Amino acid sequence: MASPQLPPSSSSAAIFRYYGASAWEIETLYDTLSRSYSVEDSEVPADDPQFVTMVEIGFPAPFGEPFFQEFTMDSWFKVKGVLKDMKRRRGRKGVKTYIRFAGFEGGKTPVVFPLLSKGDRQYEMGVEKLEYLVDIVPLQLKTVPKGAEEVWYSYEEATFKWSPSATMVNGVNYLYKNNEWVLPAKKSSSSSV
């Protein structure tokens, strides 16, 4: 769960942070976001030599069907198109993307969808599958631990599926395994003689 945390913003503002993006990519994403929200944008210093570009978009709305209606599918397709084009242009040099939502339909815990794949096809598949999660996310997160700060999803490249991955509650990480939130097993510190 190590990504830059979004700075506090007004509840109706989208957050757009980036590094290594072209002027056209920045302008297109900013303009698309500003159709629905005020936008707080900033260029940040590069923080990972494996990725030449980073884009972080924080939507001030919960993830769910109402988001796609409010933001519009045209705007969503434009955002997806820019992200996929950005990945194709960078190739194996790497693009990391964080798409955040203020919660999920039926819950207030923020949700983060990170895309860190080096492969073009995997990245594109991850982006394409996001809007199809609107029905499953509330079911997957109905048992999220009380007080969870953010829920992070992960994209499994072998199965082409998004699933909950981790959340933090009062400084303690919980992992999502076998459809439930569990504390990670502690490693044994016994030594052999």
N, C-alpha and C. Protein backbone atom coordinates (compact mmCIF):
# COMPACT_ATOMS: atom_id res chain seq x y z
N MET A 1 0.82 -1.19 0.00
CA MET A 1 0.00 0.00 0.00
C MET A 1 0.86 1.25 0.00
N ALA A 2 1.99 1.20 -0.65
CA ALA A 2 2.88 2.34 -0.63
C ALA A 2 2.70 3.19 -1.87
N SER A 3 1.91 4.21 -1.76
CA SER A 3 1.78 5.21 -2.82
C SER A 3 1.67 6.54 -2.14
N PRO A 4 1.89 7.58 -2.89
CA PRO A 4 1.73 8.89 -2.30
C PRO A 4 0.28 9.05 -1.84
N GLN A 5 0.11 9.60 -0.67
CA GLN A 5 -1.24 9.87 -0.19
C GLN A 5 -1.71 11.18 -0.80
N LEU A 6 -2.96 11.19 -1.17
CA LEU A 6 -3.52 12.42 -1.72
C LEU A 6 -3.61 13.47 -0.63
N PRO A 7 -3.29 14.71 -0.96
CA PRO A 7 -3.42 15.77 0.03
C PRO A 7 -4.89 16.04 0.30
N PRO A 8 -5.21 16.62 1.47
CA PRO A 8 -6.60 16.93 1.74
C PRO A 8 -7.13 17.89 0.68
N SER A 9 -8.38 17.72 0.32
CA SER A 9 -8.98 18.59 -0.68
C SER A 9 -10.40 18.90 -0.29
N SER A 10 -11.00 19.83 -1.01
CA SER A 10 -12.40 20.08 -0.77
C SER A 10 -13.16 18.85 -1.24
N SER A 11 -14.29 18.56 -0.64
CA SER A 11 -14.99 17.31 -0.90
C SER A 11 -15.49 17.21 -2.34
N SER A 12 -15.59 18.32 -3.05
CA SER A 12 -16.11 18.24 -4.42
C SER A 12 -15.01 18.35 -5.47
N ALA A 13 -13.75 18.39 -5.05
CA ALA A 13 -12.64 18.55 -6.01
C ALA A 13 -12.01 17.20 -6.34
N ALA A 14 -11.74 17.02 -7.62
CA ALA A 14 -10.95 15.87 -8.05
C ALA A 14 -9.48 16.23 -7.86
N ILE A 15 -8.68 15.23 -7.54
CA ILE A 15 -7.24 15.43 -7.38
C ILE A 15 -6.56 14.78 -8.58
N PHE A 16 -5.63 15.52 -9.17
CA PHE A 16 -4.90 15.03 -10.33
C PHE A 16 -3.42 15.33 -10.10
N ARG A 17 -2.64 14.27 -9.84
CA ARG A 17 -1.21 14.41 -9.62
C ARG A 17 -0.48 13.57 -10.66
N TYR A 18 0.71 14.01 -11.03
CA TYR A 18 1.41 13.32 -12.11
C TYR A 18 2.88 13.68 -12.11
N TYR A 19 3.67 12.85 -12.78
CA TYR A 19 5.01 13.21 -13.24
C TYR A 19 5.27 12.46 -14.53
N GLY A 20 6.12 13.02 -15.38
CA GLY A 20 6.50 12.38 -16.63
C GLY A 20 5.42 12.33 -17.68
N ALA A 21 4.38 13.14 -17.55
CA ALA A 21 3.30 13.16 -18.54
C ALA A 21 3.53 14.30 -19.53
N SER A 22 3.08 14.13 -20.75
CA SER A 22 3.23 15.18 -21.76
C SER A 22 2.19 16.28 -21.53
N ALA A 23 2.43 17.43 -22.13
CA ALA A 23 1.49 18.56 -22.01
C ALA A 23 0.11 18.16 -22.53
N TRP A 24 0.06 17.42 -23.64
CA TRP A 24 -1.23 16.99 -24.19
C TRP A 24 -1.97 16.06 -23.24
N GLU A 25 -1.24 15.10 -22.64
CA GLU A 25 -1.87 14.15 -21.71
C GLU A 25 -2.41 14.88 -20.48
N ILE A 26 -1.62 15.81 -19.95
CA ILE A 26 -2.04 16.58 -18.79
C ILE A 26 -3.29 17.40 -19.12
N GLU A 27 -3.24 18.11 -20.22
CA GLU A 27 -4.36 18.97 -20.61
C GLU A 27 -5.63 18.16 -20.84
N THR A 28 -5.51 17.03 -21.53
CA THR A 28 -6.69 16.21 -21.83
C THR A 28 -7.31 15.65 -20.55
N LEU A 29 -6.48 15.12 -19.67
CA LEU A 29 -7.01 14.58 -18.40
C LEU A 29 -7.62 15.69 -17.55
N TYR A 30 -6.93 16.82 -17.45
CA TYR A 30 -7.44 17.95 -16.65
C TYR A 30 -8.79 18.43 -17.22
N ASP A 31 -8.85 18.64 -18.52
CA ASP A 31 -10.10 19.11 -19.14
C ASP A 31 -11.24 18.12 -18.94
N THR A 32 -10.95 16.85 -19.05
CA THR A 32 -11.99 15.83 -18.88
C THR A 32 -12.48 15.81 -17.43
N LEU A 33 -11.57 15.87 -16.47
CA LEU A 33 -11.99 15.90 -15.06
C LEU A 33 -12.78 17.15 -14.74
N SER A 34 -12.37 18.28 -15.35
CA SER A 34 -13.02 19.56 -15.02
C SER A 34 -14.41 19.69 -15.61
N ARG A 35 -14.82 18.78 -16.45
CA ARG A 35 -16.21 18.78 -16.94
C ARG A 35 -17.19 18.47 -15.81
N SER A 36 -16.73 17.68 -14.83
CA SER A 36 -17.61 17.26 -13.74
C SER A 36 -17.23 17.82 -12.37
N TYR A 37 -15.96 18.18 -12.18
CA TYR A 37 -15.48 18.58 -10.86
C TYR A 37 -14.53 19.77 -10.98
N SER A 38 -14.36 20.47 -9.88
CA SER A 38 -13.21 21.36 -9.83
C SER A 38 -12.00 20.43 -9.66
N VAL A 39 -10.84 20.86 -10.13
CA VAL A 39 -9.68 19.97 -10.14
C VAL A 39 -8.51 20.63 -9.44
N GLU A 40 -7.90 19.91 -8.52
CA GLU A 40 -6.66 20.34 -7.87
C GLU A 40 -5.56 19.49 -8.49
N ASP A 41 -4.72 20.13 -9.32
CA ASP A 41 -3.68 19.37 -10.00
C ASP A 41 -2.30 19.82 -9.55
N SER A 42 -1.37 18.90 -9.63
CA SER A 42 0.02 19.24 -9.30
C SER A 42 0.97 18.23 -9.93
N GLU A 43 2.10 18.76 -10.38
CA GLU A 43 3.18 17.90 -10.84
C GLU A 43 4.02 17.59 -9.61
N VAL A 44 4.35 16.32 -9.42
CA VAL A 44 5.11 15.89 -8.25
C VAL A 44 6.45 15.34 -8.71
N PRO A 45 7.44 15.31 -7.83
CA PRO A 45 8.73 14.75 -8.23
C PRO A 45 8.63 13.24 -8.47
N ALA A 46 9.40 12.75 -9.42
CA ALA A 46 9.45 11.31 -9.67
C ALA A 46 9.95 10.62 -8.41
N ASP A 47 9.30 9.50 -8.06
CA ASP A 47 9.65 8.81 -6.82
C ASP A 47 10.02 7.34 -7.00
N ASP A 48 10.06 6.89 -8.26
CA ASP A 48 10.33 5.48 -8.50
C ASP A 48 11.04 5.32 -9.84
N PRO A 49 12.30 4.92 -9.85
CA PRO A 49 13.05 4.83 -11.11
C PRO A 49 12.51 3.76 -12.07
N GLN A 50 11.66 2.86 -11.60
CA GLN A 50 11.09 1.83 -12.48
C GLN A 50 9.99 2.39 -13.38
N PHE A 51 9.45 3.57 -13.03
CA PHE A 51 8.33 4.14 -13.76
C PHE A 51 8.67 5.55 -14.23
N VAL A 52 8.61 5.77 -15.55
CA VAL A 52 8.91 7.09 -16.07
C VAL A 52 7.73 8.05 -15.94
N THR A 53 6.55 7.49 -15.73
CA THR A 53 5.35 8.31 -15.61
C THR A 53 4.48 7.79 -14.47
N MET A 54 3.85 8.72 -13.76
CA MET A 54 2.88 8.37 -12.73
C MET A 54 1.68 9.28 -12.91
N VAL A 55 0.49 8.70 -12.80
CA VAL A 55 -0.75 9.47 -12.82
C VAL A 55 -1.59 9.00 -11.65
N GLU A 56 -2.05 9.95 -10.87
CA GLU A 56 -2.91 9.66 -9.73
C GLU A 56 -4.15 10.53 -9.86
N ILE A 57 -5.30 9.89 -9.95
CA ILE A 57 -6.56 10.61 -10.05
C ILE A 57 -7.42 10.23 -8.87
N GLY A 58 -7.87 11.22 -8.13
CA GLY A 58 -8.75 10.99 -7.00
C GLY A 58 -10.11 11.60 -7.28
N PHE A 59 -11.11 10.75 -7.42
CA PHE A 59 -12.47 11.23 -7.66
C PHE A 59 -13.15 11.52 -6.33
N PRO A 60 -13.86 12.65 -6.21
CA PRO A 60 -14.52 12.99 -4.95
C PRO A 60 -15.88 12.31 -4.80
N ALA A 61 -16.06 11.21 -5.49
CA ALA A 61 -17.33 10.49 -5.48
C ALA A 61 -17.08 9.02 -5.14
N PRO A 62 -18.08 8.33 -4.60
CA PRO A 62 -17.93 6.90 -4.36
C PRO A 62 -17.91 6.12 -5.66
N PHE A 63 -17.21 5.00 -5.67
CA PHE A 63 -17.18 4.10 -6.82
C PHE A 63 -18.52 3.38 -6.89
N GLY A 64 -19.18 3.48 -8.03
CA GLY A 64 -20.46 2.81 -8.23
C GLY A 64 -21.17 3.38 -9.43
N GLU A 65 -22.32 2.84 -9.72
CA GLU A 65 -23.10 3.25 -10.89
C GLU A 65 -23.37 4.76 -10.91
N PRO A 66 -23.73 5.39 -9.77
CA PRO A 66 -23.97 6.84 -9.80
C PRO A 66 -22.75 7.65 -10.24
N PHE A 67 -21.54 7.17 -9.91
CA PHE A 67 -20.33 7.87 -10.37
C PHE A 67 -20.29 7.89 -11.89
N PHE A 68 -20.50 6.74 -12.53
CA PHE A 68 -20.41 6.68 -13.98
C PHE A 68 -21.51 7.48 -14.67
N GLN A 69 -22.66 7.62 -14.01
CA GLN A 69 -23.72 8.46 -14.56
C GLN A 69 -23.37 9.93 -14.42
N GLU A 70 -22.84 10.31 -13.25
CA GLU A 70 -22.49 11.71 -13.02
C GLU A 70 -21.29 12.15 -13.86
N PHE A 71 -20.24 11.33 -13.84
CA PHE A 71 -19.02 11.66 -14.58
C PHE A 71 -19.24 11.49 -16.08
N THR A 72 -20.12 10.68 -16.47
CA THR A 72 -20.52 10.27 -17.82
C THR A 72 -19.55 9.24 -18.38
N MET A 73 -20.11 8.34 -19.14
CA MET A 73 -19.29 7.30 -19.76
C MET A 73 -18.36 7.91 -20.82
N ASP A 74 -18.81 8.98 -21.48
CA ASP A 74 -17.92 9.64 -22.46
C ASP A 74 -16.64 10.12 -21.78
N SER A 75 -16.79 10.76 -20.61
CA SER A 75 -15.61 11.24 -19.88
C SER A 75 -14.76 10.07 -19.40
N TRP A 76 -15.41 9.01 -18.90
CA TRP A 76 -14.68 7.85 -18.43
C TRP A 76 -13.89 7.21 -19.58
N PHE A 77 -14.51 7.07 -20.75
CA PHE A 77 -13.81 6.50 -21.90
C PHE A 77 -12.63 7.37 -22.32
N LYS A 78 -12.77 8.68 -22.19
CA LYS A 78 -11.67 9.58 -22.55
C LYS A 78 -10.51 9.38 -21.57
N VAL A 79 -10.79 9.30 -20.26
CA VAL A 79 -9.74 9.06 -19.27
C VAL A 79 -9.05 7.73 -19.56
N LYS A 80 -9.84 6.68 -19.78
CA LYS A 80 -9.25 5.37 -20.08
C LYS A 80 -8.39 5.42 -21.34
N GLY A 81 -8.88 6.11 -22.36
CA GLY A 81 -8.14 6.21 -23.61
C GLY A 81 -6.80 6.89 -23.44
N VAL A 82 -6.77 7.98 -22.67
CA VAL A 82 -5.51 8.68 -22.43
C VAL A 82 -4.55 7.79 -21.65
N LEU A 83 -5.05 7.12 -20.61
CA LEU A 83 -4.18 6.25 -19.81
C LEU A 83 -3.60 5.11 -20.65
N LYS A 84 -4.43 4.48 -21.47
CA LYS A 84 -3.94 3.37 -22.30
C LYS A 84 -2.95 3.87 -23.35
N ASP A 85 -3.23 5.04 -23.93
CA ASP A 85 -2.31 5.62 -24.91
C ASP A 85 -0.98 5.97 -24.26
N MET A 86 -1.05 6.50 -23.04
CA MET A 86 0.14 6.84 -22.28
C MET A 86 1.00 5.60 -22.07
N LYS A 87 0.36 4.50 -21.70
CA LYS A 87 1.08 3.25 -21.46
C LYS A 87 1.72 2.74 -22.76
N ARG A 88 0.97 2.79 -23.85
CA ARG A 88 1.53 2.34 -25.14
C ARG A 88 2.74 3.16 -25.54
N ARG A 89 2.69 4.47 -25.31
CA ARG A 89 3.81 5.35 -25.68
C ARG A 89 5.05 5.08 -24.83
N ARG A 90 4.86 4.71 -23.57
CA ARG A 90 6.00 4.49 -22.68
C ARG A 90 6.58 3.09 -22.82
N GLY A 91 5.77 2.15 -23.28
CA GLY A 91 6.23 0.78 -23.43
C GLY A 91 6.69 0.19 -22.10
N ARG A 92 7.80 -0.48 -22.11
CA ARG A 92 8.33 -1.15 -20.91
C ARG A 92 8.95 -0.18 -19.91
N LYS A 93 9.02 1.09 -20.26
CA LYS A 93 9.58 2.06 -19.32
C LYS A 93 8.69 2.25 -18.11
N GLY A 94 7.44 1.94 -18.24
CA GLY A 94 6.56 1.88 -17.09
C GLY A 94 5.75 3.12 -16.80
N VAL A 95 4.47 2.88 -16.54
CA VAL A 95 3.54 3.90 -16.09
C VAL A 95 2.85 3.33 -14.87
N LYS A 96 2.83 4.07 -13.80
CA LYS A 96 2.05 3.62 -12.65
C LYS A 96 0.88 4.57 -12.49
N THR A 97 -0.25 3.98 -12.20
CA THR A 97 -1.50 4.73 -12.14
C THR A 97 -2.24 4.36 -10.87
N TYR A 98 -2.77 5.37 -10.19
CA TYR A 98 -3.61 5.17 -9.02
C TYR A 98 -4.93 5.85 -9.28
N ILE A 99 -6.01 5.10 -9.26
CA ILE A 99 -7.34 5.67 -9.43
C ILE A 99 -8.05 5.48 -8.10
N ARG A 100 -8.39 6.60 -7.49
CA ARG A 100 -8.99 6.59 -6.14
C ARG A 100 -10.42 7.10 -6.19
N PHE A 101 -11.22 6.55 -5.29
CA PHE A 101 -12.60 7.00 -5.13
C PHE A 101 -12.83 7.31 -3.66
N ALA A 102 -13.73 8.25 -3.39
CA ALA A 102 -13.99 8.72 -2.03
C ALA A 102 -14.67 7.66 -1.17
N GLY A 103 -15.08 6.59 -1.76
CA GLY A 103 -15.75 5.50 -1.06
C GLY A 103 -16.27 4.53 -2.10
N PHE A 104 -17.27 3.76 -1.72
CA PHE A 104 -17.92 2.85 -2.66
C PHE A 104 -19.40 2.89 -2.35
N GLU A 105 -20.19 2.51 -3.32
CA GLU A 105 -21.64 2.55 -3.14
C GLU A 105 -22.00 1.70 -1.92
N GLY A 106 -22.55 2.35 -0.91
CA GLY A 106 -22.90 1.65 0.31
C GLY A 106 -21.83 1.72 1.39
N GLY A 107 -20.71 2.40 1.14
CA GLY A 107 -19.65 2.50 2.13
C GLY A 107 -18.84 3.77 1.97
N LYS A 108 -18.26 4.22 3.06
CA LYS A 108 -17.52 5.49 3.04
C LYS A 108 -16.01 5.30 2.98
N THR A 109 -15.53 4.08 3.07
CA THR A 109 -14.09 3.84 3.03
C THR A 109 -13.55 4.11 1.63
N PRO A 110 -12.53 4.97 1.49
CA PRO A 110 -11.94 5.22 0.17
C PRO A 110 -11.41 3.93 -0.46
N VAL A 111 -11.48 3.87 -1.78
CA VAL A 111 -11.05 2.70 -2.55
C VAL A 111 -9.99 3.13 -3.55
N VAL A 112 -8.90 2.34 -3.65
CA VAL A 112 -7.79 2.64 -4.55
C VAL A 112 -7.58 1.47 -5.50
N PHE A 113 -7.49 1.80 -6.81
CA PHE A 113 -7.19 0.81 -7.84
C PHE A 113 -5.83 1.17 -8.44
N PRO A 114 -4.75 0.50 -8.01
CA PRO A 114 -3.43 0.78 -8.59
C PRO A 114 -3.16 -0.09 -9.81
N LEU A 115 -2.58 0.51 -10.83
CA LEU A 115 -2.15 -0.24 -12.01
C LEU A 115 -0.65 -0.05 -12.15
N LEU A 116 0.09 -1.13 -11.93
CA LEU A 116 1.54 -1.06 -11.93
C LEU A 116 2.17 -2.02 -12.93
N SER A 117 1.37 -2.57 -13.83
CA SER A 117 1.84 -3.56 -14.78
C SER A 117 2.81 -2.96 -15.79
N LYS A 118 3.85 -3.71 -16.10
CA LYS A 118 4.80 -3.29 -17.13
C LYS A 118 4.33 -3.69 -18.52
N GLY A 119 3.43 -4.66 -18.63
CA GLY A 119 2.95 -5.11 -19.93
C GLY A 119 1.78 -4.28 -20.42
N ASP A 120 1.82 -3.89 -21.70
CA ASP A 120 0.76 -3.07 -22.28
C ASP A 120 -0.60 -3.73 -22.16
N ARG A 121 -0.69 -5.00 -22.54
CA ARG A 121 -1.98 -5.69 -22.56
C ARG A 121 -2.56 -5.80 -21.16
N GLN A 122 -1.74 -6.16 -20.20
CA GLN A 122 -2.22 -6.28 -18.82
C GLN A 122 -2.74 -4.95 -18.29
N TYR A 123 -2.00 -3.89 -18.57
CA TYR A 123 -2.40 -2.55 -18.14
C TYR A 123 -3.76 -2.19 -18.75
N GLU A 124 -3.88 -2.41 -20.07
CA GLU A 124 -5.13 -2.10 -20.76
C GLU A 124 -6.29 -2.91 -20.20
N MET A 125 -6.08 -4.18 -19.95
CA MET A 125 -7.15 -5.03 -19.40
C MET A 125 -7.57 -4.54 -18.02
N GLY A 126 -6.61 -4.14 -17.20
CA GLY A 126 -6.94 -3.61 -15.88
C GLY A 126 -7.78 -2.36 -15.96
N VAL A 127 -7.42 -1.44 -16.85
CA VAL A 127 -8.18 -0.21 -17.03
C VAL A 127 -9.58 -0.53 -17.55
N GLU A 128 -9.67 -1.42 -18.52
CA GLU A 128 -10.96 -1.75 -19.14
C GLU A 128 -11.94 -2.39 -18.16
N LYS A 129 -11.45 -3.14 -17.22
CA LYS A 129 -12.34 -3.90 -16.33
C LYS A 129 -12.91 -3.07 -15.17
N LEU A 130 -12.39 -1.89 -14.95
CA LEU A 130 -12.82 -1.12 -13.78
C LEU A 130 -14.33 -0.86 -13.73
N GLU A 131 -14.93 -0.40 -14.82
CA GLU A 131 -16.35 -0.06 -14.73
C GLU A 131 -17.25 -1.28 -14.56
N TYR A 132 -16.72 -2.46 -14.82
CA TYR A 132 -17.51 -3.67 -14.66
C TYR A 132 -17.54 -4.16 -13.22
N LEU A 133 -16.86 -3.49 -12.33
CA LEU A 133 -16.81 -3.88 -10.92
C LEU A 133 -17.91 -3.25 -10.07
N VAL A 134 -18.76 -2.41 -10.66
CA VAL A 134 -19.72 -1.65 -9.85
C VAL A 134 -20.63 -2.54 -9.01
N ASP A 135 -20.98 -3.71 -9.49
CA ASP A 135 -21.87 -4.58 -8.72
C ASP A 135 -21.13 -5.41 -7.69
N ILE A 136 -19.89 -5.76 -7.97
CA ILE A 136 -19.16 -6.66 -7.08
C ILE A 136 -18.46 -5.96 -5.92
N VAL A 137 -18.00 -4.71 -6.13
CA VAL A 137 -17.25 -4.02 -5.07
C VAL A 137 -18.06 -3.91 -3.78
N PRO A 138 -19.34 -3.49 -3.80
CA PRO A 138 -20.08 -3.43 -2.54
C PRO A 138 -20.20 -4.79 -1.85
N LEU A 139 -20.30 -5.85 -2.61
CA LEU A 139 -20.36 -7.20 -2.02
C LEU A 139 -19.02 -7.58 -1.40
N GLN A 140 -17.93 -7.29 -2.13
CA GLN A 140 -16.61 -7.65 -1.61
C GLN A 140 -16.26 -6.84 -0.36
N LEU A 141 -16.75 -5.61 -0.29
CA LEU A 141 -16.35 -4.73 0.80
C LEU A 141 -17.38 -4.60 1.92
N LYS A 142 -18.42 -5.43 1.89
CA LYS A 142 -19.43 -5.32 2.95
C LYS A 142 -18.87 -5.72 4.31
N THR A 143 -17.78 -6.47 4.33
CA THR A 143 -17.18 -6.88 5.60
C THR A 143 -15.86 -6.18 5.89
N VAL A 144 -15.60 -5.05 5.20
CA VAL A 144 -14.35 -4.34 5.45
C VAL A 144 -14.28 -3.98 6.94
N PRO A 145 -13.13 -4.16 7.58
CA PRO A 145 -13.03 -3.88 9.01
C PRO A 145 -13.44 -2.45 9.35
N LYS A 146 -14.11 -2.30 10.46
CA LYS A 146 -14.55 -0.98 10.92
C LYS A 146 -13.32 -0.11 11.16
N GLY A 147 -13.38 1.13 10.70
CA GLY A 147 -12.28 2.06 10.87
C GLY A 147 -11.21 1.96 9.78
N ALA A 148 -11.48 1.19 8.73
CA ALA A 148 -10.50 1.06 7.64
C ALA A 148 -10.24 2.42 7.01
N GLU A 149 -8.96 2.74 6.77
CA GLU A 149 -8.58 4.03 6.21
C GLU A 149 -8.78 4.09 4.71
N GLU A 150 -8.38 3.05 4.00
CA GLU A 150 -8.51 2.92 2.54
C GLU A 150 -8.50 1.43 2.24
N VAL A 151 -9.20 1.05 1.19
CA VAL A 151 -9.13 -0.32 0.71
C VAL A 151 -8.37 -0.29 -0.61
N TRP A 152 -7.34 -1.10 -0.69
CA TRP A 152 -6.55 -1.21 -1.91
C TRP A 152 -6.95 -2.48 -2.63
N TYR A 153 -7.18 -2.34 -3.93
CA TYR A 153 -7.44 -3.49 -4.79
C TYR A 153 -6.15 -3.88 -5.47
N SER A 154 -6.11 -5.08 -6.02
CA SER A 154 -4.97 -5.48 -6.84
C SER A 154 -5.52 -6.16 -8.09
N TYR A 155 -4.78 -6.00 -9.17
CA TYR A 155 -5.16 -6.62 -10.43
C TYR A 155 -4.31 -7.85 -10.63
N GLU A 156 -4.95 -9.00 -10.66
CA GLU A 156 -4.26 -10.27 -10.83
C GLU A 156 -4.09 -10.55 -12.32
N GLU A 157 -2.86 -10.47 -12.79
CA GLU A 157 -2.60 -10.62 -14.22
C GLU A 157 -2.87 -12.02 -14.74
N ALA A 158 -2.74 -13.04 -13.90
CA ALA A 158 -2.98 -14.41 -14.35
C ALA A 158 -4.46 -14.67 -14.59
N THR A 159 -5.33 -14.07 -13.79
CA THR A 159 -6.77 -14.32 -13.91
C THR A 159 -7.52 -13.16 -14.54
N PHE A 160 -6.84 -12.05 -14.78
CA PHE A 160 -7.45 -10.84 -15.35
C PHE A 160 -8.57 -10.30 -14.46
N LYS A 161 -8.38 -10.37 -13.14
CA LYS A 161 -9.43 -9.94 -12.21
C LYS A 161 -8.89 -8.96 -11.19
N TRP A 162 -9.77 -8.02 -10.81
CA TRP A 162 -9.51 -7.13 -9.69
C TRP A 162 -10.09 -7.78 -8.43
N SER A 163 -9.37 -7.66 -7.33
CA SER A 163 -9.92 -8.14 -6.06
C SER A 163 -9.35 -7.28 -4.94
N PRO A 164 -10.10 -7.21 -3.82
CA PRO A 164 -9.55 -6.46 -2.68
C PRO A 164 -8.22 -7.08 -2.27
N SER A 165 -7.32 -6.24 -1.81
CA SER A 165 -6.00 -6.72 -1.46
C SER A 165 -5.68 -6.45 0.01
N ALA A 166 -5.77 -5.17 0.41
CA ALA A 166 -5.35 -4.82 1.76
C ALA A 166 -6.06 -3.56 2.24
N THR A 167 -6.08 -3.41 3.54
CA THR A 167 -6.57 -2.19 4.17
C THR A 167 -5.81 -2.02 5.47
N MET A 168 -5.84 -0.81 5.99
CA MET A 168 -5.17 -0.54 7.25
C MET A 168 -6.18 0.02 8.25
N VAL A 169 -6.14 -0.51 9.47
CA VAL A 169 -7.01 -0.05 10.54
C VAL A 169 -6.12 0.23 11.75
N ASN A 170 -6.09 1.49 12.18
CA ASN A 170 -5.27 1.88 13.34
C ASN A 170 -3.83 1.39 13.22
N GLY A 171 -3.25 1.54 12.04
CA GLY A 171 -1.85 1.15 11.82
C GLY A 171 -1.62 -0.33 11.62
N VAL A 172 -2.68 -1.13 11.57
CA VAL A 172 -2.54 -2.57 11.38
C VAL A 172 -3.06 -2.94 9.99
N ASN A 173 -2.23 -3.64 9.21
CA ASN A 173 -2.63 -4.09 7.87
C ASN A 173 -3.50 -5.33 7.96
N TYR A 174 -4.57 -5.33 7.18
CA TYR A 174 -5.40 -6.51 7.00
C TYR A 174 -5.30 -6.90 5.53
N LEU A 175 -5.28 -8.19 5.27
CA LEU A 175 -5.24 -8.71 3.91
C LEU A 175 -6.57 -9.38 3.60
N TYR A 176 -6.96 -9.36 2.34
CA TYR A 176 -8.20 -9.99 1.91
C TYR A 176 -7.85 -11.35 1.32
N LYS A 177 -8.23 -12.41 2.04
CA LYS A 177 -7.93 -13.77 1.58
C LYS A 177 -9.16 -14.64 1.77
N ASN A 178 -9.46 -15.43 0.76
CA ASN A 178 -10.62 -16.34 0.82
C ASN A 178 -11.90 -15.62 1.22
N ASN A 179 -12.10 -14.47 0.62
CA ASN A 179 -13.31 -13.66 0.82
C ASN A 179 -13.49 -13.14 2.24
N GLU A 180 -12.39 -12.96 2.97
CA GLU A 180 -12.49 -12.34 4.29
C GLU A 180 -11.22 -11.55 4.60
N TRP A 181 -11.37 -10.60 5.53
CA TRP A 181 -10.25 -9.77 5.95
C TRP A 181 -9.55 -10.44 7.10
N VAL A 182 -8.24 -10.66 6.97
CA VAL A 182 -7.46 -11.35 8.00
C VAL A 182 -6.18 -10.57 8.30
N LEU A 183 -5.71 -10.76 9.50
CA LEU A 183 -4.39 -10.22 9.85
C LEU A 183 -3.34 -11.12 9.23
N PRO A 184 -2.26 -10.55 8.71
CA PRO A 184 -1.22 -11.40 8.13
C PRO A 184 -0.61 -12.29 9.22
N ALA A 185 -0.27 -13.51 8.83
CA ALA A 185 0.35 -14.44 9.77
C ALA A 185 1.71 -13.91 10.16
N LYS A 186 2.00 -13.99 11.44
CA LYS A 186 3.32 -13.57 11.91
C LYS A 186 4.34 -14.63 11.55
N LYS A 187 5.52 -14.16 11.13
CA LYS A 187 6.59 -15.09 10.77
C LYS A 187 7.22 -15.63 12.04
N SER A 188 7.52 -16.88 12.00
CA SER A 188 8.18 -17.53 13.13
C SER A 188 9.62 -17.06 13.21
N SER A 189 10.07 -16.75 14.41
CA SER A 189 11.45 -16.30 14.56
C SER A 189 12.33 -17.39 15.17
N SER A 190 11.84 -18.63 15.13
CA SER A 190 12.65 -19.72 15.70
C SER A 190 13.84 -20.02 14.78
N SER A 191 14.91 -20.39 15.38
CA SER A 191 16.09 -20.71 14.59
C SER A 191 16.42 -22.20 14.78
N SER A 192 16.95 -22.78 13.74
CA SER A 192 17.30 -24.20 13.84
C SER A 192 18.72 -24.33 14.38
N VAL A 193 18.97 -25.37 15.13
CA VAL A 193 20.28 -25.59 15.72
C VAL A 193 20.97 -26.75 15.08
